[in-house]
Amino acid sequence: MLKLASTLPLPSFLRHKIATPADHSQLLSLHKSLVEIPSITGSEYAVGEWLAQYLVSQNFTVETQLVHGLEDGEEVEGVTKKQENIFAYLGQTRETRTLLTSHIDVVPPYIPYRETASAVYGRGSCDAKASVAAQITAALELIAEGKIKEGDISLLYVVGEETTGDGMKAANTLTPSGWESVIFGEPTELKLAVGHKGIAEFTINSEGKAAHSGYPWLGVNANSNLVKVLYELDRLDLPASSLLGNSTINVGQISGGVAPNVVPAKANAVVSVRVAEDLDETVRRINEVITSVPGVSVDWFETPHYGPVELDWDVEGFETTVCSYGTDVMYLKGDHKKYLYGPGSILVAHGDGEFVLKSDLFEAVRGYKKLVVESLYPTRRVPAVVRVEEVKSEEKLVVQEPEVVSKSATVVGAEKETGTGEKQEANEEL
């Protein structure tokens, strides 16, 4: 197969799917190295150190930002318990216009790297080391093509995204002025996300009274009261969104009682709600249901606890999607544009068979390049038809149609009519 691909001019999409092992591609080799290093949340130090050295070898200036742990690190069962963000840029210019970012932590358990003709398997192969590898490769190609320079882009790879988002929260201290655009990498099936749902989690506590099961009227069954609440929550009408759809509730954990012959005195459940609209109203309705049953109360988690997130999707050439999962997009403060895009599907991201197609990795590089160029040199777009409301008057007036530009367009001086030559050339080549 490899010999055939090396002698015949196969189309690139076919070559990537069936004939490109990791050893024959810089992109796949980078991806392989990242996936092979275990990096379950809290144990990201090793992959961060490797990534920092790799970026230095590619002529980036690299900084590490301590998020948790001691400077010297602490080893537990051979794993360094030290969490560091990796921040990289060209030359000496830390403050850049565009940021490419994703996360290097993964969910448990570790699953070894495995490659087939068309796909790569392993923990983090999709979420989100595929985005990390594709973003870095996109940046390197744009540098080699002369389309970006010092001060244009920086790279940020954070820890802790799969739990409390502490890595992205810490990143707010990296640069005082912030970025114009931030491109976040997550599995979106190569589509631009228009938004994603928020998330709020809580524990339901049911207090009863223990008694002999032969005389249940002498006690108060905490399990029964908990079941009543869960039944009503399952039927609860929560705020919905025309953009993000319905809010959803998942009862993730239930526990209660000590023995089958004892009326249970305590029970609890841990619940997660994906918030599509109005976080405060969602919380109010849930609280109302829970507290309507005597002896039952609710404790809301401090984090994660946020409402729906709207994203930017004003770049042509991409399909769009809505994400029901959470990200750390909202933790990075600033007035920047927020793009969410990446290879792979969230539907396999945390599963035993997590994978990403090789063809998706290569396509993601092209997608990230397009997003970077568009963020630096926005396209001015004029719609095919501009409707001007008719002037109802005896005297016909001459109406000058306003210039229409895209949401992302920037008009500067003499570039107003044609845009910059640099932008036109960049887009034509992409």
Protein backbone atom coordinates (compact mmCIF):
# COMPACT_ATOMS: atom_id res chain seq x y z
CA MET A 1 0.00 0.00 0.00
CA LEU A 2 2.79 2.43 0.93
CA LYS A 3 4.75 1.53 -2.17
CA LEU A 4 1.69 2.11 -4.36
CA ALA A 5 1.05 5.51 -2.76
CA SER A 6 4.65 6.54 -3.28
CA THR A 7 4.69 5.72 -6.98
CA LEU A 8 1.21 6.78 -8.12
CA PRO A 9 -0.23 10.32 -7.82
CA LEU A 10 -3.10 9.41 -5.50
CA PRO A 11 -5.51 12.19 -4.49
CA SER A 12 -4.51 13.70 -1.15
CA PHE A 13 -7.79 12.78 0.56
CA LEU A 14 -7.27 9.13 -0.41
CA ARG A 15 -3.58 9.13 0.48
CA HIS A 16 -4.34 10.48 3.95
CA LYS A 17 -7.07 7.90 4.56
CA ILE A 18 -5.30 4.72 3.49
CA ALA A 19 -1.59 5.31 3.02
CA THR A 20 -0.12 7.73 5.54
CA PRO A 21 1.41 6.11 8.63
CA ALA A 22 2.55 8.36 11.45
CA ASP A 23 6.22 7.96 10.55
CA HIS A 24 5.61 9.51 7.12
CA SER A 25 3.84 12.69 8.20
CA GLN A 26 4.94 15.52 10.49
CA LEU A 27 1.32 16.06 11.53
CA LEU A 28 0.64 12.40 12.34
CA SER A 29 4.02 12.03 14.03
CA LEU A 30 3.30 15.00 16.30
CA HIS A 31 -0.16 13.64 17.06
CA LYS A 32 1.29 10.20 17.85
CA SER A 33 3.84 11.62 20.30
CA LEU A 34 1.13 13.58 22.14
CA VAL A 35 -1.26 10.62 22.41
CA GLU A 36 1.47 8.21 23.54
CA ILE A 37 2.18 10.32 26.66
CA PRO A 38 -0.46 9.78 29.39
CA SER A 39 -1.95 13.07 30.59
CA ILE A 40 -5.03 12.41 32.71
CA THR A 41 -6.11 15.62 34.43
CA GLY A 42 -3.68 16.34 37.26
CA SER A 43 -0.86 14.43 35.54
CA GLU A 44 -0.18 16.60 32.49
CA TYR A 45 3.39 17.57 33.38
CA ALA A 46 5.15 15.01 31.13
CA VAL A 47 3.20 15.85 27.98
CA GLY A 48 3.60 19.56 28.68
CA GLU A 49 7.36 19.25 29.00
CA TRP A 50 7.55 17.28 25.76
CA LEU A 51 5.36 19.80 23.94
CA ALA A 52 7.42 22.73 25.21
CA GLN A 53 10.62 21.17 23.86
CA TYR A 54 8.95 20.42 20.54
CA LEU A 55 7.81 24.03 20.11
CA VAL A 56 11.30 25.30 20.98
CA SER A 57 12.69 23.01 18.26
CA GLN A 58 10.29 24.71 15.83
CA ASN A 59 11.72 28.17 16.73
CA PHE A 60 8.93 29.30 19.05
CA THR A 61 9.64 31.20 22.23
CA VAL A 62 8.05 29.09 24.96
CA GLU A 63 6.91 29.96 28.48
CA THR A 64 5.49 27.59 31.08
CA GLN A 65 2.89 28.86 33.53
CA LEU A 66 2.54 27.05 36.85
CA VAL A 67 -1.13 26.35 37.59
CA HIS A 68 -0.95 23.83 40.45
CA GLY A 69 1.81 22.09 42.37
CA LEU A 70 5.32 22.96 43.48
CA GLU A 71 7.93 24.48 41.19
CA ASP A 72 10.16 21.43 41.68
CA GLY A 73 7.21 19.08 41.25
CA GLU A 74 6.13 16.19 43.45
CA GLU A 75 6.17 12.58 42.33
CA VAL A 76 3.33 10.25 43.28
CA GLU A 77 3.76 6.66 42.08
CA GLY A 78 6.23 7.85 39.44
CA VAL A 79 3.98 10.65 38.10
CA THR A 80 4.96 14.31 38.59
CA LYS A 81 2.02 16.12 40.17
CA LYS A 82 2.62 19.54 38.67
CA GLN A 83 0.30 21.30 36.24
CA GLU A 84 1.69 23.83 33.77
CA ASN A 85 0.20 25.69 30.82
CA ILE A 86 2.34 25.96 27.69
CA PHE A 87 2.43 29.39 26.03
CA ALA A 88 4.36 29.96 22.80
CA TYR A 89 4.89 32.80 20.32
CA LEU A 90 7.30 33.98 17.63
CA GLY A 91 10.31 36.09 18.55
CA GLN A 92 9.90 38.39 21.54
CA THR A 93 6.32 39.58 20.98
CA ARG A 94 4.11 38.03 23.67
CA GLU A 95 1.03 40.06 22.84
CA THR A 96 -0.43 38.86 19.56
CA ARG A 97 -3.60 39.47 17.58
CA THR A 98 -4.77 35.85 17.37
CA LEU A 99 -4.49 32.94 19.79
CA LEU A 100 -4.73 29.24 18.95
CA THR A 101 -5.58 27.19 22.03
CA SER A 102 -6.72 23.78 23.24
CA HIS A 103 -6.12 21.50 26.22
CA ILE A 104 -3.57 18.75 26.87
CA ASP A 105 -5.36 16.92 29.69
CA VAL A 106 -7.59 13.91 29.06
CA VAL A 107 -10.19 11.89 30.94
CA PRO A 108 -9.32 8.52 32.53
CA PRO A 109 -8.42 5.81 31.89
CA TYR A 110 -5.30 5.90 29.74
CA ILE A 111 -5.76 4.03 26.45
CA PRO A 112 -2.59 3.28 24.44
CA TYR A 113 -1.97 4.69 20.97
CA ARG A 114 -3.03 2.48 18.08
CA GLU A 115 -2.97 3.24 14.37
CA THR A 116 -4.92 1.71 11.49
CA ALA A 117 -4.88 2.59 7.80
CA SER A 118 -7.51 5.30 8.22
CA ALA A 119 -7.66 6.24 11.90
CA VAL A 120 -5.77 6.81 15.12
CA TYR A 121 -7.06 5.37 18.41
CA GLY A 122 -6.13 6.12 22.01
CA ARG A 123 -7.08 8.38 24.89
CA GLY A 124 -6.91 11.98 23.75
CA SER A 125 -6.56 11.02 20.09
CA CYS A 126 -9.76 12.99 19.51
CA ASP A 127 -10.28 15.12 22.63
CA ALA A 128 -8.25 17.17 22.25
CA LYS A 129 -4.75 16.20 21.11
CA ALA A 130 -6.06 16.09 17.55
CA SER A 131 -6.77 19.82 17.81
CA VAL A 132 -3.38 20.51 19.42
CA ALA A 133 -1.48 18.73 16.64
CA ALA A 134 -3.56 20.29 13.85
CA GLN A 135 -3.25 23.82 15.28
CA ILE A 136 0.53 23.62 15.62
CA THR A 137 0.89 22.16 12.13
CA ALA A 138 -1.33 24.91 10.70
CA ALA A 139 0.81 27.58 12.39
CA LEU A 140 4.04 26.03 11.08
CA GLU A 141 2.67 25.88 7.52
CA LEU A 142 1.51 29.50 7.63
CA ILE A 143 4.95 30.56 8.87
CA ALA A 144 6.67 28.60 6.09
CA GLU A 145 4.33 30.16 3.51
CA GLY A 146 5.12 33.65 4.78
CA LYS A 147 1.49 34.38 5.68
CA ILE A 148 2.05 35.12 9.37
CA LYS A 149 4.85 36.86 11.23
CA GLU A 150 5.94 37.79 14.72
CA GLY A 151 3.09 39.45 16.58
CA ASP A 152 0.36 37.70 14.58
CA ILE A 153 -0.30 34.50 16.53
CA SER A 154 0.47 32.75 19.79
CA LEU A 155 -0.25 29.24 21.02
CA LEU A 156 -1.70 28.24 24.40
CA TYR A 157 -2.15 24.67 25.63
CA VAL A 158 -3.82 24.41 29.01
CA VAL A 159 -4.30 21.87 31.78
CA GLY A 160 -7.39 21.01 33.79
CA GLU A 161 -10.04 21.53 31.11
CA GLU A 162 -11.75 18.22 31.80
CA THR A 163 -12.52 19.18 35.40
CA THR A 164 -12.63 22.78 36.65
CA GLY A 165 -10.93 24.73 33.86
CA ASP A 166 -8.16 25.98 36.14
CA GLY A 167 -5.64 26.14 33.30
CA MET A 168 -7.69 28.55 31.22
CA LYS A 169 -8.58 30.59 34.28
CA ALA A 170 -4.87 31.00 35.06
CA ALA A 171 -4.19 32.05 31.45
CA ASN A 172 -5.94 35.37 32.09
CA THR A 173 -2.72 36.65 33.64
CA LEU A 174 -0.56 35.90 30.59
CA THR A 175 -1.12 39.07 28.57
CA PRO A 176 -2.56 42.37 29.82
CA SER A 177 -4.24 43.60 26.63
CA GLY A 178 -5.80 40.39 25.38
CA TRP A 179 -6.31 39.01 21.88
CA GLU A 180 -8.54 40.14 19.01
CA SER A 181 -9.52 36.56 18.13
CA VAL A 182 -9.18 33.24 19.93
CA ILE A 183 -9.56 29.93 18.09
CA PHE A 184 -10.43 27.14 20.53
CA GLY A 185 -9.78 23.53 19.57
CA GLU A 186 -12.36 20.89 20.47
CA PRO A 187 -13.97 18.02 18.50
CA THR A 188 -16.68 19.68 16.37
CA GLU A 189 -16.56 17.34 13.35
CA LEU A 190 -14.79 20.09 11.36
CA LYS A 191 -17.73 22.47 11.80
CA LEU A 192 -17.78 25.95 13.30
CA ALA A 193 -19.80 25.93 16.51
CA VAL A 194 -22.38 28.70 16.81
CA GLY A 195 -22.61 28.12 20.56
CA HIS A 196 -22.59 25.54 23.29
CA LYS A 197 -24.77 24.83 26.28
CA GLY A 198 -23.83 25.83 29.79
CA ILE A 199 -23.60 23.39 32.66
CA ALA A 200 -24.64 23.35 36.30
CA GLU A 201 -24.33 20.47 38.74
CA PHE A 202 -25.90 19.84 42.12
CA THR A 203 -26.46 17.27 44.85
CA ILE A 204 -29.96 16.39 46.09
CA ASN A 205 -29.99 15.43 49.77
CA SER A 206 -32.93 13.50 51.21
CA GLU A 207 -33.22 13.22 55.01
CA GLY A 208 -35.54 10.60 56.49
CA LYS A 209 -35.85 8.50 59.64
CA ALA A 210 -34.57 4.97 60.09
CA ALA A 211 -36.95 2.19 61.23
CA HIS A 212 -37.51 -1.53 60.93
CA SER A 213 -38.71 -2.41 57.43
CA GLY A 214 -41.55 -4.44 58.94
CA TYR A 215 -42.95 -1.21 60.42
CA PRO A 216 -42.22 1.37 57.73
CA TRP A 217 -44.82 3.81 59.11
CA LEU A 218 -42.52 4.36 62.08
CA GLY A 219 -39.86 5.89 59.83
CA VAL A 220 -39.50 8.26 56.89
CA ASN A 221 -38.13 6.69 53.71
CA ALA A 222 -35.41 8.96 52.32
CA ASN A 223 -35.19 6.88 49.13
CA SER A 224 -38.90 7.27 48.41
CA ASN A 225 -38.72 11.04 48.78
CA LEU A 226 -35.67 11.18 46.55
CA VAL A 227 -37.48 9.15 43.90
CA LYS A 228 -40.42 11.58 44.00
CA VAL A 229 -38.07 14.49 43.31
CA LEU A 230 -36.22 12.70 40.52
CA TYR A 231 -39.51 11.79 38.86
CA GLU A 232 -40.61 15.44 38.85
CA LEU A 233 -37.22 16.65 37.59
CA ASP A 234 -37.43 14.21 34.71
CA ARG A 235 -40.73 15.80 33.68
CA LEU A 236 -39.68 19.39 34.37
CA ASP A 237 -40.05 21.95 31.58
CA LEU A 238 -36.78 23.93 31.53
CA PRO A 239 -35.96 27.09 29.52
CA ALA A 240 -35.15 26.28 25.88
CA SER A 241 -33.32 28.16 23.14
CA SER A 242 -34.07 28.54 19.45
CA LEU A 243 -30.30 28.38 18.87
CA LEU A 244 -29.15 25.66 21.27
CA GLY A 245 -32.32 23.59 21.69
CA ASN A 246 -33.60 22.12 24.97
CA SER A 247 -31.91 22.04 28.34
CA THR A 248 -31.35 18.47 29.54
CA ILE A 249 -30.99 16.82 32.95
CA ASN A 250 -28.88 13.75 33.73
CA VAL A 251 -29.01 11.92 37.08
CA GLY A 252 -25.45 10.63 37.23
CA GLN A 253 -25.19 9.09 40.70
CA ILE A 254 -27.69 7.76 43.26
CA SER A 255 -27.05 6.33 46.71
CA GLY A 256 -29.19 5.64 49.76
CA GLY A 257 -29.93 3.26 52.60
CA VAL A 258 -27.82 0.78 54.51
CA ALA A 259 -29.72 -2.52 54.22
CA PRO A 260 -32.91 -3.90 52.63
CA ASN A 261 -34.52 -4.48 56.03
CA VAL A 262 -33.96 -0.88 57.23
CA VAL A 263 -36.05 2.13 56.24
CA PRO A 264 -33.37 4.42 54.77
CA ALA A 265 -32.60 7.57 56.74
CA LYS A 266 -30.40 9.20 54.07
CA ALA A 267 -30.24 9.27 50.28
CA ASN A 268 -28.69 11.53 47.68
CA ALA A 269 -28.24 11.99 43.96
CA VAL A 270 -25.73 13.96 41.92
CA VAL A 271 -27.25 15.65 38.88
CA SER A 272 -25.95 17.57 35.88
CA VAL A 273 -28.03 19.95 33.77
CA ARG A 274 -26.98 21.21 30.33
CA VAL A 275 -28.29 24.74 30.21
CA ALA A 276 -29.62 25.98 26.87
CA GLU A 277 -31.19 29.24 28.10
CA ASP A 278 -31.32 31.50 31.21
CA LEU A 279 -29.24 29.90 33.95
CA ASP A 280 -30.99 31.77 36.80
CA GLU A 281 -34.46 30.68 35.68
CA THR A 282 -33.23 27.12 35.23
CA VAL A 283 -31.90 27.07 38.79
CA ARG A 284 -35.13 28.59 40.15
CA ARG A 285 -37.34 25.94 38.56
CA ILE A 286 -35.13 23.09 39.79
CA ASN A 287 -35.01 24.50 43.32
CA GLU A 288 -38.79 24.79 43.33
CA VAL A 289 -39.25 21.11 42.52
CA ILE A 290 -36.66 19.86 45.01
CA THR A 291 -37.82 21.90 47.98
CA SER A 292 -41.47 20.97 47.40
CA VAL A 293 -40.83 17.59 49.05
CA PRO A 294 -40.30 17.72 52.85
CA GLY A 295 -36.85 16.68 54.02
CA VAL A 296 -35.23 17.17 50.61
CA SER A 297 -32.67 19.93 49.90
CA VAL A 298 -30.19 20.90 47.19
CA ASP A 299 -26.52 21.93 47.18
CA TRP A 300 -25.26 23.55 43.96
CA PHE A 301 -21.62 23.09 42.94
CA GLU A 302 -19.61 26.31 42.63
CA THR A 303 -18.01 24.98 39.47
CA PRO A 304 -18.94 24.13 36.80
CA HIS A 305 -21.79 26.63 36.92
CA TYR A 306 -22.37 28.80 33.86
CA GLY A 307 -25.02 29.56 31.27
CA PRO A 308 -25.06 29.07 27.49
CA VAL A 309 -22.07 30.35 25.50
CA GLU A 310 -22.47 32.13 22.16
CA LEU A 311 -19.63 31.86 19.66
CA ASP A 312 -18.52 33.58 16.47
CA TRP A 313 -19.13 31.81 13.16
CA ASP A 314 -18.76 34.60 10.59
CA VAL A 315 -16.23 32.80 8.38
CA GLU A 316 -17.46 31.42 5.07
CA GLY A 317 -16.67 27.91 3.89
CA PHE A 318 -17.59 26.05 7.10
CA GLU A 319 -20.64 24.07 8.09
CA THR A 320 -22.00 25.06 11.50
CA THR A 321 -23.07 23.06 14.53
CA VAL A 322 -24.41 23.41 18.08
CA CYS A 323 -22.50 21.72 20.91
CA SER A 324 -24.21 20.21 23.94
CA TYR A 325 -20.93 19.74 25.79
CA GLY A 326 -19.02 22.31 27.83
CA THR A 327 -15.63 23.89 27.16
CA ASP A 328 -13.35 26.39 28.89
CA VAL A 329 -14.17 29.13 26.36
CA MET A 330 -15.98 31.27 28.95
CA TYR A 331 -13.06 31.19 31.38
CA LEU A 332 -10.81 33.26 29.12
CA LYS A 333 -11.79 36.87 29.74
CA GLY A 334 -11.77 39.61 27.11
CA ASP A 335 -13.65 41.11 24.18
CA HIS A 336 -12.04 38.79 21.64
CA LYS A 337 -13.90 36.86 18.96
CA LYS A 338 -14.44 33.24 19.96
CA TYR A 339 -14.20 30.48 17.36
CA LEU A 340 -14.69 26.81 18.30
CA TYR A 341 -13.53 24.24 15.75
CA GLY A 342 -11.68 20.96 15.52
CA PRO A 343 -11.35 17.42 14.14
CA GLY A 344 -13.14 14.38 15.51
CA SER A 345 -16.52 13.77 17.11
CA ILE A 346 -17.49 14.35 20.73
CA LEU A 347 -19.63 11.20 20.45
CA VAL A 348 -16.49 9.03 20.72
CA ALA A 349 -14.33 11.43 22.74
CA HIS A 350 -14.59 9.86 26.21
CA GLY A 351 -15.32 6.29 25.15
CA ASP A 352 -13.22 3.13 25.17
CA GLY A 353 -12.85 3.32 21.39
CA GLU A 354 -11.89 7.01 21.12
CA PHE A 355 -10.45 7.77 17.70
CA VAL A 356 -9.95 10.38 15.01
CA LEU A 357 -9.79 9.88 11.26
CA LYS A 358 -6.47 10.76 9.65
CA SER A 359 -8.33 12.60 6.92
CA ASP A 360 -9.98 14.78 9.58
CA LEU A 361 -6.59 15.72 10.99
CA PHE A 362 -5.37 16.94 7.61
CA GLU A 363 -8.63 18.76 6.91
CA ALA A 364 -8.43 20.44 10.31
CA VAL A 365 -5.03 21.90 9.41
CA ARG A 366 -6.63 23.57 6.40
CA GLY A 367 -9.54 24.75 8.55
CA TYR A 368 -7.30 26.28 11.21
CA LYS A 369 -5.21 28.02 8.56
CA LYS A 370 -8.33 29.56 7.09
CA LEU A 371 -9.53 30.74 10.50
CA VAL A 372 -6.16 32.28 11.34
CA VAL A 373 -5.93 34.18 8.06
CA GLU A 374 -9.53 35.34 8.36
CA SER A 375 -8.94 36.53 11.92
CA LEU A 376 -5.92 38.57 10.82
CA TYR A 377 -7.29 39.88 7.50
CA PRO A 378 -11.11 39.74 7.58
CA THR A 379 -12.91 39.37 4.27
CA ARG A 380 -15.27 42.13 3.15
CA ARG A 381 -18.42 40.55 1.76
CA VAL A 382 -21.23 42.23 -0.18
CA PRO A 383 -24.49 40.27 -0.45
CA ALA A 384 -25.82 39.41 -3.89
CA VAL A 385 -28.99 41.42 -3.28
CA VAL A 386 -29.28 44.55 -1.19
CA ARG A 387 -32.89 45.44 -0.42
CA VAL A 388 -33.67 49.13 0.02
CA GLU A 389 -37.11 50.06 1.31
CA GLU A 390 -39.10 52.05 -1.26
CA VAL A 391 -39.57 55.73 -0.44
CA LYS A 392 -43.31 56.49 -0.51
CA SER A 393 -43.43 60.13 -1.57
CA GLU A 394 -44.63 62.21 -4.50
CA GLU A 395 -41.05 63.26 -5.03
CA LYS A 396 -38.80 60.38 -5.98
CA LEU A 397 -35.61 60.54 -3.96
CA VAL A 398 -32.24 59.10 -4.93
CA VAL A 399 -31.26 56.65 -2.23
CA GLN A 400 -27.58 55.87 -1.87
CA GLU A 401 -27.16 52.27 -0.81
CA PRO A 402 -24.96 51.86 2.24
CA GLU A 403 -21.77 49.91 1.96
CA VAL A 404 -22.34 46.45 3.46
CA VAL A 405 -19.50 44.60 5.08
CA SER A 406 -19.32 41.39 7.04
CA LYS A 407 -19.55 41.18 10.80
CA SER A 408 -15.80 40.62 10.91
CA ALA A 409 -14.67 43.17 8.33
CA THR A 410 -12.23 45.97 9.11
CA VAL A 411 -11.99 48.94 6.75
CA VAL A 412 -8.84 51.04 6.93
CA GLY A 413 -8.00 54.11 4.86
CA ALA A 414 -7.22 53.47 1.21
CA GLU A 415 -7.91 49.75 1.65
CA LYS A 416 -11.66 50.47 1.83
CA GLU A 417 -12.49 49.52 -1.74
CA THR A 418 -10.19 46.59 -2.45
CA GLY A 419 -8.88 45.26 0.87
CA THR A 420 -5.21 44.58 1.39
CA GLY A 421 -3.17 42.78 -1.21
CA GLU A 422 -1.75 40.65 1.57
CA LYS A 423 -5.21 39.43 2.53
CA GLN A 424 -6.27 38.75 -1.05
CA GLU A 425 -3.13 36.77 -1.73
CA ALA A 426 -3.50 34.77 1.48
CA ASN A 427 -7.12 33.84 0.76
CA GLU A 428 -6.41 32.93 -2.86
CA GLU A 429 -3.67 30.54 -1.83
CA LEU A 430 -5.84 28.97 0.87
